[in-house]
PDB file of N, CA and C in Angstrom:
ATOM      1  N   UNK A   1     -25.453 -24.802   5.703  1.00  0.00           N
ATOM      2  CA  UNK A   1     -25.668 -25.156   7.094  1.00  0.00           C
ATOM      3  C   UNK A   1     -25.106 -24.040   7.975  1.00  0.00           C
ATOM      4  N   UNK A   2     -25.914 -23.552   8.857  1.00  0.00           N
ATOM      5  CA  UNK A   2     -25.505 -22.489   9.763  1.00  0.00           C
ATOM      6  C   UNK A   2     -24.863 -23.075  11.010  1.00  0.00           C
ATOM      7  N   UNK A   3     -23.989 -22.318  11.614  1.00  0.00           N
ATOM      8  CA  UNK A   3     -23.389 -22.764  12.866  1.00  0.00           C
ATOM      9  C   UNK A   3     -24.108 -22.163  14.069  1.00  0.00           C
ATOM     10  N   UNK A   4     -25.183 -21.407  13.800  1.00  0.00           N
ATOM     11  CA  UNK A   4     -25.943 -20.796  14.890  1.00  0.00           C
ATOM     12  C   UNK A   4     -26.493 -21.878  15.815  1.00  0.00           C
ATOM     13  N   UNK A   5     -26.457 -21.581  17.111  1.00  0.00           N
ATOM     14  CA  UNK A   5     -26.995 -22.504  18.099  1.00  0.00           C
ATOM     15  C   UNK A   5     -28.047 -21.803  18.944  1.00  0.00           C
ATOM     16  N   UNK A   6     -28.885 -22.607  19.539  1.00  0.00           N
ATOM     17  CA  UNK A   6     -29.846 -22.126  20.524  1.00  0.00           C
ATOM     18  C   UNK A   6     -29.451 -22.718  21.859  1.00  0.00           C
ATOM     19  N   UNK A   7     -29.719 -21.974  22.913  1.00  0.00           N
ATOM     20  CA  UNK A   7     -29.448 -22.456  24.259  1.00  0.00           C
ATOM     21  C   UNK A   7     -30.723 -22.300  25.071  1.00  0.00           C
ATOM     22  N   UNK A   8     -31.051 -23.350  25.806  1.00  0.00           N
ATOM     23  CA  UNK A   8     -32.146 -23.299  26.765  1.00  0.00           C
ATOM     24  C   UNK A   8     -31.541 -23.684  28.110  1.00  0.00           C
ATOM     25  N   UNK A   9     -31.624 -22.793  29.062  1.00  0.00           N
ATOM     26  CA  UNK A   9     -31.081 -23.046  30.397  1.00  0.00           C
ATOM     27  C   UNK A   9     -32.212 -22.936  31.411  1.00  0.00           C
ATOM     28  N   UNK A  10     -32.401 -23.985  32.196  1.00  0.00           N
ATOM     29  CA  UNK A  10     -33.487 -24.040  33.170  1.00  0.00           C
ATOM     30  C   UNK A  10     -32.889 -23.956  34.571  1.00  0.00           C
ATOM     31  N   UNK A  11     -33.401 -23.001  35.349  1.00  0.00           N
ATOM     32  CA  UNK A  11     -32.927 -22.776  36.703  1.00  0.00           C
ATOM     33  C   UNK A  11     -34.094 -22.943  37.662  1.00  0.00           C
ATOM     34  N   UNK A  12     -33.841 -23.548  38.807  1.00  0.00           N
ATOM     35  CA  UNK A  12     -34.859 -23.698  39.837  1.00  0.00           C
ATOM     36  C   UNK A  12     -34.375 -23.020  41.102  1.00  0.00           C
ATOM     37  N   UNK A  13     -35.064 -21.955  41.489  1.00  0.00           N
ATOM     38  CA  UNK A  13     -34.702 -21.217  42.693  1.00  0.00           C
ATOM     39  C   UNK A  13     -35.059 -22.012  43.943  1.00  0.00           C
ATOM     40  N   UNK A  14     -34.222 -21.887  44.956  1.00  0.00           N
ATOM     41  CA  UNK A  14     -34.566 -22.453  46.261  1.00  0.00           C
ATOM     42  C   UNK A  14     -35.757 -21.678  46.808  1.00  0.00           C
ATOM     43  N   UNK A  15     -36.561 -22.295  47.665  1.00  0.00           N
ATOM     44  CA  UNK A  15     -37.679 -21.571  48.269  1.00  0.00           C
ATOM     45  C   UNK A  15     -37.195 -20.268  48.916  1.00  0.00           C
ATOM     46  N   UNK A  16     -37.912 -19.206  48.643  1.00  0.00           N
ATOM     47  CA  UNK A  16     -37.583 -17.897  49.199  1.00  0.00           C
ATOM     48  C   UNK A  16     -36.505 -17.140  48.442  1.00  0.00           C
ATOM     49  N   UNK A  17     -35.970 -17.711  47.365  1.00  0.00           N
ATOM     50  CA  UNK A  17     -34.880 -17.071  46.635  1.00  0.00           C
ATOM     51  C   UNK A  17     -35.277 -16.576  45.246  1.00  0.00           C
ATOM     52  N   UNK A  18     -36.555 -16.658  44.915  1.00  0.00           N
ATOM     53  CA  UNK A  18     -37.005 -16.295  43.569  1.00  0.00           C
ATOM     54  C   UNK A  18     -36.641 -14.854  43.208  1.00  0.00           C
ATOM     55  N   UNK A  19     -36.867 -13.929  44.088  1.00  0.00           N
ATOM     56  CA  UNK A  19     -36.581 -12.523  43.775  1.00  0.00           C
ATOM     57  C   UNK A  19     -35.098 -12.311  43.500  1.00  0.00           C
ATOM     58  N   UNK A  20     -34.239 -12.926  44.284  1.00  0.00           N
ATOM     59  CA  UNK A  20     -32.798 -12.792  44.079  1.00  0.00           C
ATOM     60  C   UNK A  20     -32.380 -13.410  42.739  1.00  0.00           C
ATOM     61  N   UNK A  21     -32.977 -14.548  42.380  1.00  0.00           N
ATOM     62  CA  UNK A  21     -32.672 -15.174  41.091  1.00  0.00           C
ATOM     63  C   UNK A  21     -33.129 -14.257  39.959  1.00  0.00           C
ATOM     64  N   UNK A  22     -34.317 -13.712  40.058  1.00  0.00           N
ATOM     65  CA  UNK A  22     -34.816 -12.799  39.025  1.00  0.00           C
ATOM     66  C   UNK A  22     -33.903 -11.594  38.864  1.00  0.00           C
ATOM     67  N   UNK A  23     -33.453 -11.023  39.965  1.00  0.00           N
ATOM     68  CA  UNK A  23     -32.568  -9.860  39.894  1.00  0.00           C
ATOM     69  C   UNK A  23     -31.254 -10.210  39.209  1.00  0.00           C
ATOM     70  N   UNK A  24     -30.700 -11.378  39.523  1.00  0.00           N
ATOM     71  CA  UNK A  24     -29.452 -11.815  38.884  1.00  0.00           C
ATOM     72  C   UNK A  24     -29.660 -12.014  37.392  1.00  0.00           C
ATOM     73  N   UNK A  25     -30.783 -12.589  37.018  1.00  0.00           N
ATOM     74  CA  UNK A  25     -31.073 -12.827  35.604  1.00  0.00           C
ATOM     75  C   UNK A  25     -31.249 -11.511  34.857  1.00  0.00           C
ATOM     76  N   UNK A  26     -31.949 -10.577  35.455  1.00  0.00           N
ATOM     77  CA  UNK A  26     -32.157  -9.282  34.794  1.00  0.00           C
ATOM     78  C   UNK A  26     -30.835  -8.559  34.544  1.00  0.00           C
ATOM     79  N   UNK A  27     -29.899  -8.690  35.487  1.00  0.00           N
ATOM     80  CA  UNK A  27     -28.639  -7.950  35.400  1.00  0.00           C
ATOM     81  C   UNK A  27     -27.772  -8.374  34.217  1.00  0.00           C
ATOM     82  N   UNK A  28     -27.916  -9.597  33.742  1.00  0.00           N
ATOM     83  CA  UNK A  28     -27.052 -10.078  32.662  1.00  0.00           C
ATOM     84  C   UNK A  28     -27.626  -9.806  31.271  1.00  0.00           C
ATOM     85  N   UNK A  29     -28.886  -9.437  31.189  1.00  0.00           N
ATOM     86  CA  UNK A  29     -29.530  -9.315  29.882  1.00  0.00           C
ATOM     87  C   UNK A  29     -28.873  -8.251  28.997  1.00  0.00           C
ATOM     88  N   UNK A  30     -28.780  -7.034  29.450  1.00  0.00           N
ATOM     89  CA  UNK A  30     -28.246  -5.954  28.601  1.00  0.00           C
ATOM     90  C   UNK A  30     -26.825  -6.223  28.129  1.00  0.00           C
ATOM     91  N   UNK A  31     -25.883  -6.591  29.016  1.00  0.00           N
ATOM     92  CA  UNK A  31     -24.534  -6.842  28.506  1.00  0.00           C
ATOM     93  C   UNK A  31     -24.451  -8.052  27.577  1.00  0.00           C
ATOM     94  N   UNK A  32     -25.288  -9.046  27.792  1.00  0.00           N
ATOM     95  CA  UNK A  32     -25.286 -10.212  26.900  1.00  0.00           C
ATOM     96  C   UNK A  32     -25.826  -9.834  25.534  1.00  0.00           C
ATOM     97  N   UNK A  33     -26.910  -9.085  25.507  1.00  0.00           N
ATOM     98  CA  UNK A  33     -27.483  -8.655  24.230  1.00  0.00           C
ATOM     99  C   UNK A  33     -26.536  -7.744  23.468  1.00  0.00           C
ATOM    100  N   UNK A  34     -25.638  -7.073  24.168  1.00  0.00           N
ATOM    101  CA  UNK A  34     -24.678  -6.177  23.522  1.00  0.00           C
ATOM    102  C   UNK A  34     -23.537  -6.934  22.837  1.00  0.00           C
ATOM    103  N   UNK A  35     -23.385  -8.207  23.140  1.00  0.00           N
ATOM    104  CA  UNK A  35     -22.342  -9.005  22.493  1.00  0.00           C
ATOM    105  C   UNK A  35     -22.704  -9.189  21.015  1.00  0.00           C
ATOM    106  N   UNK A  36     -21.743  -8.973  20.135  1.00  0.00           N
ATOM    107  CA  UNK A  36     -21.999  -9.035  18.700  1.00  0.00           C
ATOM    108  C   UNK A  36     -22.542 -10.385  18.249  1.00  0.00           C
ATOM    109  N   UNK A  37     -22.133 -11.456  18.869  1.00  0.00           N
ATOM    110  CA  UNK A  37     -22.541 -12.802  18.447  1.00  0.00           C
ATOM    111  C   UNK A  37     -23.848 -13.261  19.090  1.00  0.00           C
ATOM    112  N   UNK A  38     -24.454 -12.407  19.907  1.00  0.00           N
ATOM    113  CA  UNK A  38     -25.729 -12.743  20.550  1.00  0.00           C
ATOM    114  C   UNK A  38     -26.870 -12.317  19.637  1.00  0.00           C
ATOM    115  N   UNK A  39     -27.695 -13.272  19.241  1.00  0.00           N
ATOM    116  CA  UNK A  39     -28.830 -12.981  18.361  1.00  0.00           C
ATOM    117  C   UNK A  39     -30.145 -12.894  19.127  1.00  0.00           C
ATOM    118  N   UNK A  40     -30.187 -13.469  20.321  1.00  0.00           N
ATOM    119  CA  UNK A  40     -31.415 -13.462  21.133  1.00  0.00           C
ATOM    120  C   UNK A  40     -31.024 -13.877  22.536  1.00  0.00           C
ATOM    121  N   UNK A  41     -31.556 -13.197  23.545  1.00  0.00           N
ATOM    122  CA  UNK A  41     -31.204 -13.511  24.931  1.00  0.00           C
ATOM    123  C   UNK A  41     -32.340 -13.025  25.818  1.00  0.00           C
ATOM    124  N   UNK A  42     -33.198 -13.942  26.218  1.00  0.00           N
ATOM    125  CA  UNK A  42     -34.375 -13.534  26.979  1.00  0.00           C
ATOM    126  C   UNK A  42     -34.643 -14.480  28.142  1.00  0.00           C
ATOM    127  N   UNK A  43     -34.736 -13.926  29.344  1.00  0.00           N
ATOM    128  CA  UNK A  43     -35.101 -14.742  30.493  1.00  0.00           C
ATOM    129  C   UNK A  43     -36.622 -14.863  30.594  1.00  0.00           C
ATOM    130  N   UNK A  44     -37.065 -15.992  31.111  1.00  0.00           N
ATOM    131  CA  UNK A  44     -38.496 -16.262  31.266  1.00  0.00           C
ATOM    132  C   UNK A  44     -38.775 -16.819  32.654  1.00  0.00           C
ATOM    133  N   UNK A  45     -40.001 -16.641  33.089  1.00  0.00           N
ATOM    134  CA  UNK A  45     -40.506 -17.229  34.331  1.00  0.00           C
ATOM    135  C   UNK A  45     -41.540 -18.266  33.926  1.00  0.00           C
ATOM    136  N   UNK A  46     -41.523 -19.434  34.579  1.00  0.00           N
ATOM    137  CA  UNK A  46     -42.503 -20.484  34.301  1.00  0.00           C
ATOM    138  C   UNK A  46     -43.688 -20.286  35.244  1.00  0.00           C
ATOM    139  N   UNK A  47     -44.831 -19.802  34.751  1.00  0.00           N
ATOM    140  CA  UNK A  47     -45.970 -19.525  35.636  1.00  0.00           C
ATOM    141  C   UNK A  47     -46.610 -20.781  36.210  1.00  0.00           C
ATOM    142  N   UNK A  48     -46.307 -21.938  35.646  1.00  0.00           N
ATOM    143  CA  UNK A  48     -46.912 -23.180  36.147  1.00  0.00           C
ATOM    144  C   UNK A  48     -46.034 -23.897  37.167  1.00  0.00           C
ATOM    145  N   UNK A  49     -44.835 -23.349  37.432  1.00  0.00           N
ATOM    146  CA  UNK A  49     -43.912 -24.005  38.352  1.00  0.00           C
ATOM    147  C   UNK A  49     -43.163 -22.937  39.141  1.00  0.00           C
ATOM    148  N   UNK A  50     -43.534 -22.725  40.376  1.00  0.00           N
ATOM    149  CA  UNK A  50     -42.956 -21.661  41.200  1.00  0.00           C
ATOM    150  C   UNK A  50     -41.433 -21.768  41.272  1.00  0.00           C
ATOM    151  N   UNK A  51     -40.785 -20.655  41.036  1.00  0.00           N
ATOM    152  CA  UNK A  51     -39.336 -20.592  41.159  1.00  0.00           C
ATOM    153  C   UNK A  51     -38.560 -21.151  39.984  1.00  0.00           C
ATOM    154  N   UNK A  52     -39.237 -21.545  38.919  1.00  0.00           N
ATOM    155  CA  UNK A  52     -38.531 -22.065  37.737  1.00  0.00           C
ATOM    156  C   UNK A  52     -38.361 -20.938  36.725  1.00  0.00           C
ATOM    157  N   UNK A  53     -37.130 -20.824  36.237  1.00  0.00           N
ATOM    158  CA  UNK A  53     -36.782 -19.785  35.277  1.00  0.00           C
ATOM    159  C   UNK A  53     -36.065 -20.422  34.093  1.00  0.00           C
ATOM    160  N   UNK A  54     -36.240 -19.814  32.927  1.00  0.00           N
ATOM    161  CA  UNK A  54     -35.658 -20.366  31.705  1.00  0.00           C
ATOM    162  C   UNK A  54     -35.042 -19.242  30.878  1.00  0.00           C
ATOM    163  N   UNK A  55     -33.772 -19.400  30.531  1.00  0.00           N
ATOM    164  CA  UNK A  55     -33.138 -18.525  29.551  1.00  0.00           C
ATOM    165  C   UNK A  55     -33.319 -19.173  28.190  1.00  0.00           C
ATOM    166  N   UNK A  56     -33.715 -18.393  27.198  1.00  0.00           N
ATOM    167  CA  UNK A  56     -33.749 -18.842  25.816  1.00  0.00           C
ATOM    168  C   UNK A  56     -32.798 -17.913  25.062  1.00  0.00           C
ATOM    169  N   UNK A  57     -31.826 -18.523  24.386  1.00  0.00           N
ATOM    170  CA  UNK A  57     -30.758 -17.751  23.762  1.00  0.00           C
ATOM    171  C   UNK A  57     -30.486 -18.258  22.350  1.00  0.00           C
ATOM    172  N   UNK A  58     -29.939 -17.371  21.532  1.00  0.00           N
ATOM    173  CA  UNK A  58     -29.420 -17.752  20.208  1.00  0.00           C
ATOM    174  C   UNK A  58     -28.045 -17.110  20.063  1.00  0.00           C
ATOM    175  N   UNK A  59     -27.080 -17.926  19.685  1.00  0.00           N
ATOM    176  CA  UNK A  59     -25.707 -17.463  19.525  1.00  0.00           C
ATOM    177  C   UNK A  59     -25.211 -17.808  18.134  1.00  0.00           C
ATOM    178  N   UNK A  60     -24.283 -17.042  17.617  1.00  0.00           N
ATOM    179  CA  UNK A  60     -23.756 -17.242  16.276  1.00  0.00           C
ATOM    180  C   UNK A  60     -23.094 -18.608  16.114  1.00  0.00           C
ATOM    181  N   UNK A  61     -22.528 -19.135  17.207  1.00  0.00           N
ATOM    182  CA  UNK A  61     -21.820 -20.414  17.132  1.00  0.00           C
ATOM    183  C   UNK A  61     -21.519 -20.915  18.546  1.00  0.00           C
ATOM    184  N   UNK A  62     -21.047 -22.137  18.628  1.00  0.00           N
ATOM    185  CA  UNK A  62     -20.600 -22.676  19.922  1.00  0.00           C
ATOM    186  C   UNK A  62     -19.422 -21.856  20.454  1.00  0.00           C
ATOM    187  N   UNK A  63     -18.575 -21.411  19.547  1.00  0.00           N
ATOM    188  CA  UNK A  63     -17.431 -20.590  19.958  1.00  0.00           C
ATOM    189  C   UNK A  63     -17.907 -19.278  20.580  1.00  0.00           C
ATOM    190  N   UNK A  64     -18.944 -18.694  20.006  1.00  0.00           N
ATOM    191  CA  UNK A  64     -19.500 -17.451  20.554  1.00  0.00           C
ATOM    192  C   UNK A  64     -20.057 -17.687  21.952  1.00  0.00           C
ATOM    193  N   UNK A  65     -20.709 -18.823  22.151  1.00  0.00           N
ATOM    194  CA  UNK A  65     -21.215 -19.154  23.483  1.00  0.00           C
ATOM    195  C   UNK A  65     -20.061 -19.324  24.461  1.00  0.00           C
ATOM    196  N   UNK A  66     -19.007 -19.993  24.022  1.00  0.00           N
ATOM    197  CA  UNK A  66     -17.839 -20.183  24.887  1.00  0.00           C
ATOM    198  C   UNK A  66     -17.225 -18.840  25.274  1.00  0.00           C
ATOM    199  N   UNK A  67     -17.177 -17.906  24.334  1.00  0.00           N
ATOM    200  CA  UNK A  67     -16.670 -16.563  24.630  1.00  0.00           C
ATOM    201  C   UNK A  67     -17.585 -15.855  25.623  1.00  0.00           C
ATOM    202  N   UNK A  68     -18.894 -15.995  25.450  1.00  0.00           N
ATOM    203  CA  UNK A  68     -19.864 -15.404  26.379  1.00  0.00           C
ATOM    204  C   UNK A  68     -19.620 -15.910  27.795  1.00  0.00           C
ATOM    205  N   UNK A  69     -19.330 -17.184  27.913  1.00  0.00           N
ATOM    206  CA  UNK A  69     -19.133 -17.793  29.231  1.00  0.00           C
ATOM    207  C   UNK A  69     -17.865 -17.299  29.927  1.00  0.00           C
ATOM    208  N   UNK A  70     -17.001 -16.595  29.202  1.00  0.00           N
ATOM    209  CA  UNK A  70     -15.785 -16.029  29.790  1.00  0.00           C
ATOM    210  C   UNK A  70     -15.915 -14.544  30.113  1.00  0.00           C
ATOM    211  N   UNK A  71     -17.073 -13.950  29.815  1.00  0.00           N
ATOM    212  CA  UNK A  71     -17.249 -12.519  30.053  1.00  0.00           C
ATOM    213  C   UNK A  71     -17.438 -12.229  31.540  1.00  0.00           C
ATOM    214  N   UNK A  72     -17.086 -11.026  31.957  1.00  0.00           N
ATOM    215  CA  UNK A  72     -17.301 -10.656  33.353  1.00  0.00           C
ATOM    216  C   UNK A  72     -18.771 -10.744  33.772  1.00  0.00           C
ATOM    217  N   UNK A  73     -19.711 -10.391  32.882  1.00  0.00           N
ATOM    218  CA  UNK A  73     -21.120 -10.419  33.281  1.00  0.00           C
ATOM    219  C   UNK A  73     -21.630 -11.845  33.446  1.00  0.00           C
ATOM    220  N   UNK A  74     -21.136 -12.793  32.659  1.00  0.00           N
ATOM    221  CA  UNK A  74     -21.550 -14.184  32.852  1.00  0.00           C
ATOM    222  C   UNK A  74     -20.969 -14.720  34.158  1.00  0.00           C
ATOM    223  N   UNK A  75     -19.707 -14.422  34.406  1.00  0.00           N
ATOM    224  CA  UNK A  75     -19.088 -14.865  35.659  1.00  0.00           C
ATOM    225  C   UNK A  75     -19.788 -14.243  36.863  1.00  0.00           C
ATOM    226  N   UNK A  76     -20.244 -12.996  36.716  1.00  0.00           N
ATOM    227  CA  UNK A  76     -20.991 -12.347  37.796  1.00  0.00           C
ATOM    228  C   UNK A  76     -22.317 -13.052  38.031  1.00  0.00           C
ATOM    229  N   UNK A  77     -22.989 -13.463  36.951  1.00  0.00           N
ATOM    230  CA  UNK A  77     -24.238 -14.210  37.101  1.00  0.00           C
ATOM    231  C   UNK A  77     -24.003 -15.478  37.908  1.00  0.00           C
ATOM    232  N   UNK A  78     -22.977 -16.221  37.569  1.00  0.00           N
ATOM    233  CA  UNK A  78     -22.688 -17.447  38.312  1.00  0.00           C
ATOM    234  C   UNK A  78     -22.456 -17.153  39.789  1.00  0.00           C
ATOM    235  N   UNK A  79     -21.723 -16.088  40.059  1.00  0.00           N
ATOM    236  CA  UNK A  79     -21.470 -15.696  41.443  1.00  0.00           C
ATOM    237  C   UNK A  79     -22.760 -15.293  42.155  1.00  0.00           C
ATOM    238  N   UNK A  80     -23.582 -14.505  41.455  1.00  0.00           N
ATOM    239  CA  UNK A  80     -24.837 -14.040  42.048  1.00  0.00           C
ATOM    240  C   UNK A  80     -25.804 -15.179  42.332  1.00  0.00           C
ATOM    241  N   UNK A  81     -25.761 -16.225  41.507  1.00  0.00           N
ATOM    242  CA  UNK A  81     -26.680 -17.362  41.674  1.00  0.00           C
ATOM    243  C   UNK A  81     -26.175 -18.381  42.692  1.00  0.00           C
ATOM    244  N   UNK A  82     -24.923 -18.267  43.091  1.00  0.00           N
ATOM    245  CA  UNK A  82     -24.348 -19.232  44.019  1.00  0.00           C
ATOM    246  C   UNK A  82     -25.176 -19.303  45.305  1.00  0.00           C
ATOM    247  N   UNK A  83     -25.665 -20.494  45.603  1.00  0.00           N
ATOM    248  CA  UNK A  83     -26.454 -20.717  46.807  1.00  0.00           C
ATOM    249  C   UNK A  83     -27.938 -20.424  46.666  1.00  0.00           C
ATOM    250  N   UNK A  84     -28.360 -19.913  45.495  1.00  0.00           N
ATOM    251  CA  UNK A  84     -29.766 -19.558  45.307  1.00  0.00           C
ATOM    252  C   UNK A  84     -30.576 -20.640  44.589  1.00  0.00           C
ATOM    253  N   UNK A  85     -29.887 -21.599  43.964  1.00  0.00           N
ATOM    254  CA  UNK A  85     -30.565 -22.594  43.140  1.00  0.00           C
ATOM    255  C   UNK A  85     -30.612 -23.956  43.827  1.00  0.00           C
ATOM    256  N   UNK A  86     -31.651 -24.716  43.504  1.00  0.00           N
ATOM    257  CA  UNK A  86     -31.816 -26.061  44.045  1.00  0.00           C
ATOM    258  C   UNK A  86     -30.693 -26.971  43.560  1.00  0.00           C
ATOM    259  N   UNK A  87     -30.309 -26.800  42.298  1.00  0.00           N
ATOM    260  CA  UNK A  87     -29.311 -27.657  41.674  1.00  0.00           C
ATOM    261  C   UNK A  87     -28.629 -26.874  40.556  1.00  0.00           C
ATOM    262  N   UNK A  88     -27.640 -27.474  39.944  1.00  0.00           N
ATOM    263  CA  UNK A  88     -26.987 -26.878  38.788  1.00  0.00           C
ATOM    264  C   UNK A  88     -28.014 -26.672  37.672  1.00  0.00           C
ATOM    265  N   UNK A  89     -27.987 -25.525  36.997  1.00  0.00           N
ATOM    266  CA  UNK A  89     -28.938 -25.321  35.897  1.00  0.00           C
ATOM    267  C   UNK A  89     -28.822 -26.419  34.835  1.00  0.00           C
ATOM    268  N   UNK A  90     -29.954 -26.778  34.276  1.00  0.00           N
ATOM    269  CA  UNK A  90     -29.975 -27.720  33.162  1.00  0.00           C
ATOM    270  C   UNK A  90     -29.791 -26.890  31.896  1.00  0.00           C
ATOM    271  N   UNK A  91     -28.751 -27.191  31.128  1.00  0.00           N
ATOM    272  CA  UNK A  91     -28.440 -26.411  29.930  1.00  0.00           C
ATOM    273  C   UNK A  91     -28.465 -27.329  28.724  1.00  0.00           C
ATOM    274  N   UNK A  92     -29.245 -26.924  27.732  1.00  0.00           N
ATOM    275  CA  UNK A  92     -29.314 -27.651  26.467  1.00  0.00           C
ATOM    276  C   UNK A  92     -28.790 -26.745  25.365  1.00  0.00           C
ATOM    277  N   UNK A  93     -27.853 -27.267  24.575  1.00  0.00           N
ATOM    278  CA  UNK A  93     -27.337 -26.545  23.418  1.00  0.00           C
ATOM    279  C   UNK A  93     -27.938 -27.245  22.193  1.00  0.00           C
ATOM    280  N   UNK A  94     -28.669 -26.475  21.405  1.00  0.00           N
ATOM    281  CA  UNK A  94     -29.447 -27.041  20.319  1.00  0.00           C
ATOM    282  C   UNK A  94     -29.011 -26.504  18.971  1.00  0.00           C
ATOM    283  N   UNK A  95     -29.091 -27.372  17.971  1.00  0.00           N
ATOM    284  CA  UNK A  95     -28.872 -26.980  16.585  1.00  0.00           C
ATOM    285  C   UNK A  95     -30.178 -27.191  15.850  1.00  0.00           C
ATOM    286  N   UNK A  96     -30.501 -26.267  14.966  1.00  0.00           N
ATOM    287  CA  UNK A  96     -31.738 -26.370  14.205  1.00  0.00           C
ATOM    288  C   UNK A  96     -31.704 -27.600  13.289  1.00  0.00           C
ATOM    289  N   UNK A  97     -32.776 -28.331  13.264  1.00  0.00           N
ATOM    290  CA  UNK A  97     -32.896 -29.498  12.402  1.00  0.00           C
ATOM    291  C   UNK A  97     -33.258 -29.041  10.997  1.00  0.00           C
ATOM    292  N   UNK A  98     -32.400 -29.312  10.005  1.00  0.00           N
ATOM    293  CA  UNK A  98     -32.721 -28.912   8.633  1.00  0.00           C
ATOM    294  C   UNK A  98     -33.992 -29.626   8.154  1.00  0.00           C
ATOM    295  N   UNK A  99     -34.849 -28.909   7.461  1.00  0.00           N
ATOM    296  CA  UNK A  99     -36.113 -29.483   6.999  1.00  0.00           C
ATOM    297  C   UNK A  99     -35.989 -30.088   5.607  1.00  0.00           C
ATOM    298  N   UNK A 100     -34.941 -29.781   4.919  1.00  0.00           N
ATOM    299  CA  UNK A 100     -34.771 -30.367   3.576  1.00  0.00           C
ATOM    300  C   UNK A 100     -33.361 -30.861   3.384  1.00  0.00           C
TER     301      UNK A 100
END
């Protein structure tokens, strides 16, 4: 059994704030991908819902995610997004369902 987790985070930009949200999301990608415990980190735009953005991530463990959340670049993302979102991001932490 692996301890790897997946994270799906859904963000909804306030009207007129989409570009600022996109810029904040782009800024965190490179430093997050550089973290040793990061296996996948990609921001997405939902073309069917204006202003909706989704991070899809894979981390070595819950502990690795907790460490990521203490990094300067993650804290900067939170600061950059302050006031730009309709509500708190919806975050799902997922574990792969074993097939056998």
